[in-house]
Amino acid sequence: MTNIHFATVGLFVFSVLTGCATITTGSMQQLTIQSEPTAAHCVMNRDGEKLIEVLGTPEDVSIQRGINTITLVCRKAGYKDTAGV
């Protein structure tokens, strides 16, 4: 099985933001979820609660900002699941 490699444009930036950033930049964060290969199914969770489900990458999403860690898991048939924080 081959690994899925995913990149989230803006996810790194989002992960280093604190609650204080909400005051100056709004309460929502725009992200693009991409993977190689494309058409992966991805789920984004925070504190065990599903934030976003992407049925096929790439896709633009909008999530509520927060200070807790977000986990992204991507799956595609014939490939190993890939997870990132």
N, C-alpha and C. Protein backbone atom coordinates (compact mmCIF):
# COMPACT_ATOMS: atom_id res chain seq x y z
N MET A 1 0.83 -1.19 0.00
CA MET A 1 0.00 0.00 0.00
C MET A 1 0.87 1.25 0.00
N THR A 2 0.43 2.25 -0.69
CA THR A 2 1.14 3.51 -0.78
C THR A 2 0.54 4.50 0.22
N ASN A 3 1.38 5.39 0.72
CA ASN A 3 0.90 6.42 1.65
C ASN A 3 0.22 7.55 0.91
N ILE A 4 -0.78 8.14 1.55
CA ILE A 4 -1.38 9.38 1.04
C ILE A 4 -0.55 10.52 1.62
N HIS A 5 -0.16 11.44 0.79
CA HIS A 5 0.56 12.64 1.24
C HIS A 5 -0.40 13.79 1.11
N PHE A 6 -0.64 14.50 2.19
CA PHE A 6 -1.57 15.61 2.10
C PHE A 6 -0.90 16.88 2.58
N ALA A 7 -1.39 17.96 2.03
CA ALA A 7 -0.92 19.28 2.42
C ALA A 7 -2.15 20.15 2.61
N THR A 8 -2.16 20.90 3.65
CA THR A 8 -3.26 21.81 3.87
C THR A 8 -2.72 23.22 3.85
N VAL A 9 -3.07 23.92 2.82
CA VAL A 9 -2.63 25.29 2.69
C VAL A 9 -3.27 26.09 3.81
N GLY A 10 -2.49 26.67 4.64
CA GLY A 10 -3.00 27.48 5.73
C GLY A 10 -3.17 26.71 7.03
N LEU A 11 -3.11 25.37 7.03
CA LEU A 11 -3.30 24.63 8.27
C LEU A 11 -2.16 24.90 9.23
N PHE A 12 -0.92 24.99 8.74
CA PHE A 12 0.20 25.30 9.63
C PHE A 12 -0.01 26.67 10.26
N VAL A 13 -0.38 27.64 9.45
CA VAL A 13 -0.63 28.98 9.97
C VAL A 13 -1.73 28.93 11.01
N PHE A 14 -2.79 28.19 10.72
CA PHE A 14 -3.91 28.06 11.65
C PHE A 14 -3.45 27.44 12.96
N SER A 15 -2.58 26.44 12.89
CA SER A 15 -2.20 25.71 14.10
C SER A 15 -1.38 26.56 15.06
N VAL A 16 -0.74 27.61 14.57
CA VAL A 16 0.05 28.44 15.47
C VAL A 16 -0.71 29.67 15.96
N LEU A 17 -1.94 29.83 15.51
CA LEU A 17 -2.73 30.97 15.96
C LEU A 17 -3.27 30.72 17.36
N THR A 18 -3.43 31.77 18.11
CA THR A 18 -4.03 31.65 19.44
C THR A 18 -5.40 32.30 19.43
N GLY A 19 -6.10 32.20 20.54
CA GLY A 19 -7.41 32.82 20.65
C GLY A 19 -7.36 34.32 20.43
N CYS A 20 -6.23 34.95 20.72
CA CYS A 20 -6.10 36.39 20.53
C CYS A 20 -6.22 36.78 19.07
N ALA A 21 -5.85 35.89 18.18
CA ALA A 21 -5.92 36.20 16.75
C ALA A 21 -7.36 36.39 16.31
N THR A 22 -8.29 35.79 17.01
CA THR A 22 -9.70 35.93 16.66
C THR A 22 -10.13 37.39 16.70
N ILE A 23 -9.60 38.14 17.61
CA ILE A 23 -9.97 39.54 17.77
C ILE A 23 -9.58 40.35 16.53
N THR A 24 -8.42 40.05 15.97
CA THR A 24 -7.91 40.86 14.86
C THR A 24 -8.23 40.28 13.49
N THR A 25 -8.56 39.00 13.39
CA THR A 25 -8.75 38.41 12.06
C THR A 25 -10.06 37.68 11.88
N GLY A 26 -10.96 37.73 12.81
CA GLY A 26 -12.25 37.07 12.68
C GLY A 26 -12.28 35.70 13.33
N SER A 27 -13.46 35.11 13.38
CA SER A 27 -13.64 33.84 14.08
C SER A 27 -13.56 32.63 13.16
N MET A 28 -13.46 32.83 11.85
CA MET A 28 -13.40 31.72 10.91
C MET A 28 -12.05 31.68 10.20
N GLN A 29 -11.64 30.46 9.80
CA GLN A 29 -10.37 30.26 9.09
C GLN A 29 -10.66 29.52 7.79
N GLN A 30 -10.20 30.06 6.68
CA GLN A 30 -10.34 29.42 5.37
C GLN A 30 -9.13 28.50 5.14
N LEU A 31 -9.38 27.27 4.70
CA LEU A 31 -8.32 26.30 4.42
C LEU A 31 -8.62 25.60 3.11
N THR A 32 -7.56 25.10 2.47
CA THR A 32 -7.71 24.21 1.33
C THR A 32 -7.09 22.88 1.72
N ILE A 33 -7.87 21.82 1.64
CA ILE A 33 -7.36 20.49 1.95
C ILE A 33 -7.02 19.82 0.63
N GLN A 34 -5.75 19.44 0.47
CA GLN A 34 -5.25 18.81 -0.74
C GLN A 34 -4.56 17.51 -0.38
N SER A 35 -4.53 16.57 -1.30
CA SER A 35 -3.82 15.32 -1.07
C SER A 35 -3.21 14.83 -2.37
N GLU A 36 -2.24 13.96 -2.23
CA GLU A 36 -1.63 13.28 -3.39
C GLU A 36 -1.66 11.81 -3.07
N PRO A 37 -2.49 11.03 -3.68
CA PRO A 37 -3.33 11.35 -4.83
C PRO A 37 -4.57 12.15 -4.42
N THR A 38 -5.20 12.74 -5.42
CA THR A 38 -6.41 13.51 -5.18
C THR A 38 -7.58 12.56 -4.91
N ALA A 39 -8.71 13.11 -4.62
CA ALA A 39 -9.96 12.38 -4.38
C ALA A 39 -9.93 11.54 -3.11
N ALA A 40 -9.15 11.97 -2.11
CA ALA A 40 -9.13 11.28 -0.81
C ALA A 40 -10.28 11.78 0.05
N HIS A 41 -10.74 10.93 0.94
CA HIS A 41 -11.79 11.27 1.91
C HIS A 41 -11.09 11.72 3.18
N CYS A 42 -11.35 12.93 3.65
CA CYS A 42 -10.66 13.46 4.83
C CYS A 42 -11.66 13.94 5.88
N VAL A 43 -11.30 13.74 7.15
CA VAL A 43 -12.12 14.19 8.26
C VAL A 43 -11.23 15.01 9.20
N MET A 44 -11.72 16.18 9.57
CA MET A 44 -11.00 17.07 10.49
C MET A 44 -11.76 17.08 11.82
N ASN A 45 -11.05 16.77 12.92
CA ASN A 45 -11.65 16.72 14.26
C ASN A 45 -10.93 17.66 15.21
N ARG A 46 -11.69 18.17 16.18
CA ARG A 46 -11.13 18.94 17.30
C ARG A 46 -11.81 18.41 18.57
N ASP A 47 -11.00 17.98 19.52
CA ASP A 47 -11.52 17.45 20.79
C ASP A 47 -12.54 16.32 20.58
N GLY A 48 -12.26 15.45 19.59
CA GLY A 48 -13.14 14.31 19.33
C GLY A 48 -14.42 14.65 18.59
N GLU A 49 -14.60 15.90 18.21
CA GLU A 49 -15.80 16.34 17.51
C GLU A 49 -15.46 16.65 16.05
N LYS A 50 -16.26 16.11 15.12
CA LYS A 50 -16.00 16.32 13.70
C LYS A 50 -16.29 17.77 13.32
N LEU A 51 -15.28 18.42 12.72
CA LEU A 51 -15.45 19.80 12.24
C LEU A 51 -15.88 19.81 10.78
N ILE A 52 -15.14 19.03 9.98
CA ILE A 52 -15.32 19.04 8.53
C ILE A 52 -15.14 17.63 8.01
N GLU A 53 -15.92 17.27 7.00
CA GLU A 53 -15.71 16.02 6.27
C GLU A 53 -15.62 16.37 4.80
N VAL A 54 -14.51 16.00 4.18
CA VAL A 54 -14.28 16.26 2.76
C VAL A 54 -14.40 14.93 2.03
N LEU A 55 -15.33 14.85 1.09
CA LEU A 55 -15.56 13.60 0.39
C LEU A 55 -14.58 13.37 -0.76
N GLY A 56 -13.91 14.42 -1.20
CA GLY A 56 -12.91 14.29 -2.25
C GLY A 56 -12.02 15.50 -2.32
N THR A 57 -10.72 15.28 -2.15
CA THR A 57 -9.77 16.39 -2.20
C THR A 57 -9.42 16.71 -3.65
N PRO A 58 -9.06 17.95 -3.95
CA PRO A 58 -8.94 19.10 -3.05
C PRO A 58 -10.31 19.74 -2.79
N GLU A 59 -10.40 20.44 -1.67
CA GLU A 59 -11.63 21.17 -1.34
C GLU A 59 -11.30 22.33 -0.41
N ASP A 60 -11.95 23.46 -0.65
CA ASP A 60 -11.84 24.62 0.24
C ASP A 60 -12.86 24.48 1.35
N VAL A 61 -12.44 24.76 2.58
CA VAL A 61 -13.33 24.65 3.74
C VAL A 61 -13.17 25.89 4.63
N SER A 62 -14.13 26.09 5.49
CA SER A 62 -14.09 27.18 6.46
C SER A 62 -14.40 26.57 7.81
N ILE A 63 -13.53 26.82 8.81
CA ILE A 63 -13.75 26.27 10.15
C ILE A 63 -13.69 27.37 11.20
N GLN A 64 -14.30 27.11 12.31
CA GLN A 64 -14.27 28.02 13.45
C GLN A 64 -12.87 28.00 14.07
N ARG A 65 -12.31 29.16 14.32
CA ARG A 65 -11.01 29.22 14.99
C ARG A 65 -11.13 28.72 16.42
N GLY A 66 -10.03 28.21 16.97
CA GLY A 66 -10.00 27.74 18.33
C GLY A 66 -8.57 27.49 18.76
N ILE A 67 -8.37 27.30 20.03
CA ILE A 67 -7.00 27.10 20.54
C ILE A 67 -6.64 25.62 20.67
N ASN A 68 -7.61 24.74 20.55
CA ASN A 68 -7.34 23.31 20.70
C ASN A 68 -6.83 22.69 19.41
N THR A 69 -6.12 21.59 19.55
CA THR A 69 -5.49 20.91 18.43
C THR A 69 -6.52 20.31 17.48
N ILE A 70 -6.23 20.41 16.19
CA ILE A 70 -7.07 19.82 15.15
C ILE A 70 -6.31 18.63 14.55
N THR A 71 -7.03 17.54 14.32
CA THR A 71 -6.47 16.36 13.68
C THR A 71 -7.15 16.17 12.33
N LEU A 72 -6.35 15.88 11.31
CA LEU A 72 -6.86 15.63 9.97
C LEU A 72 -6.47 14.21 9.58
N VAL A 73 -7.45 13.39 9.21
CA VAL A 73 -7.21 12.02 8.76
C VAL A 73 -7.75 11.89 7.34
N CYS A 74 -6.88 11.41 6.43
CA CYS A 74 -7.28 11.23 5.03
C CYS A 74 -7.17 9.75 4.66
N ARG A 75 -8.15 9.28 3.87
CA ARG A 75 -8.20 7.88 3.44
C ARG A 75 -8.52 7.80 1.96
N LYS A 76 -7.98 6.77 1.33
CA LYS A 76 -8.34 6.45 -0.04
C LYS A 76 -8.08 4.97 -0.25
N ALA A 77 -8.99 4.31 -0.94
CA ALA A 77 -8.86 2.87 -1.18
C ALA A 77 -7.53 2.58 -1.89
N GLY A 78 -6.81 1.58 -1.39
CA GLY A 78 -5.54 1.19 -1.98
C GLY A 78 -4.35 1.93 -1.40
N TYR A 79 -4.60 2.85 -0.45
CA TYR A 79 -3.55 3.64 0.18
C TYR A 79 -3.67 3.53 1.69
N LYS A 80 -2.55 3.72 2.39
CA LYS A 80 -2.57 3.76 3.85
C LYS A 80 -3.21 5.06 4.31
N ASP A 81 -3.97 4.99 5.41
CA ASP A 81 -4.53 6.21 6.01
C ASP A 81 -3.38 7.11 6.46
N THR A 82 -3.61 8.40 6.36
CA THR A 82 -2.61 9.38 6.80
C THR A 82 -3.28 10.35 7.76
N ALA A 83 -2.59 10.64 8.86
CA ALA A 83 -3.12 11.57 9.86
C ALA A 83 -2.10 12.66 10.13
N GLY A 84 -2.58 13.84 10.44
CA GLY A 84 -1.71 14.96 10.79
C GLY A 84 -2.38 15.84 11.81
N VAL A 85 -1.57 16.60 12.50
CA VAL A 85 -2.07 17.51 13.53
C VAL A 85 -1.80 18.93 13.09
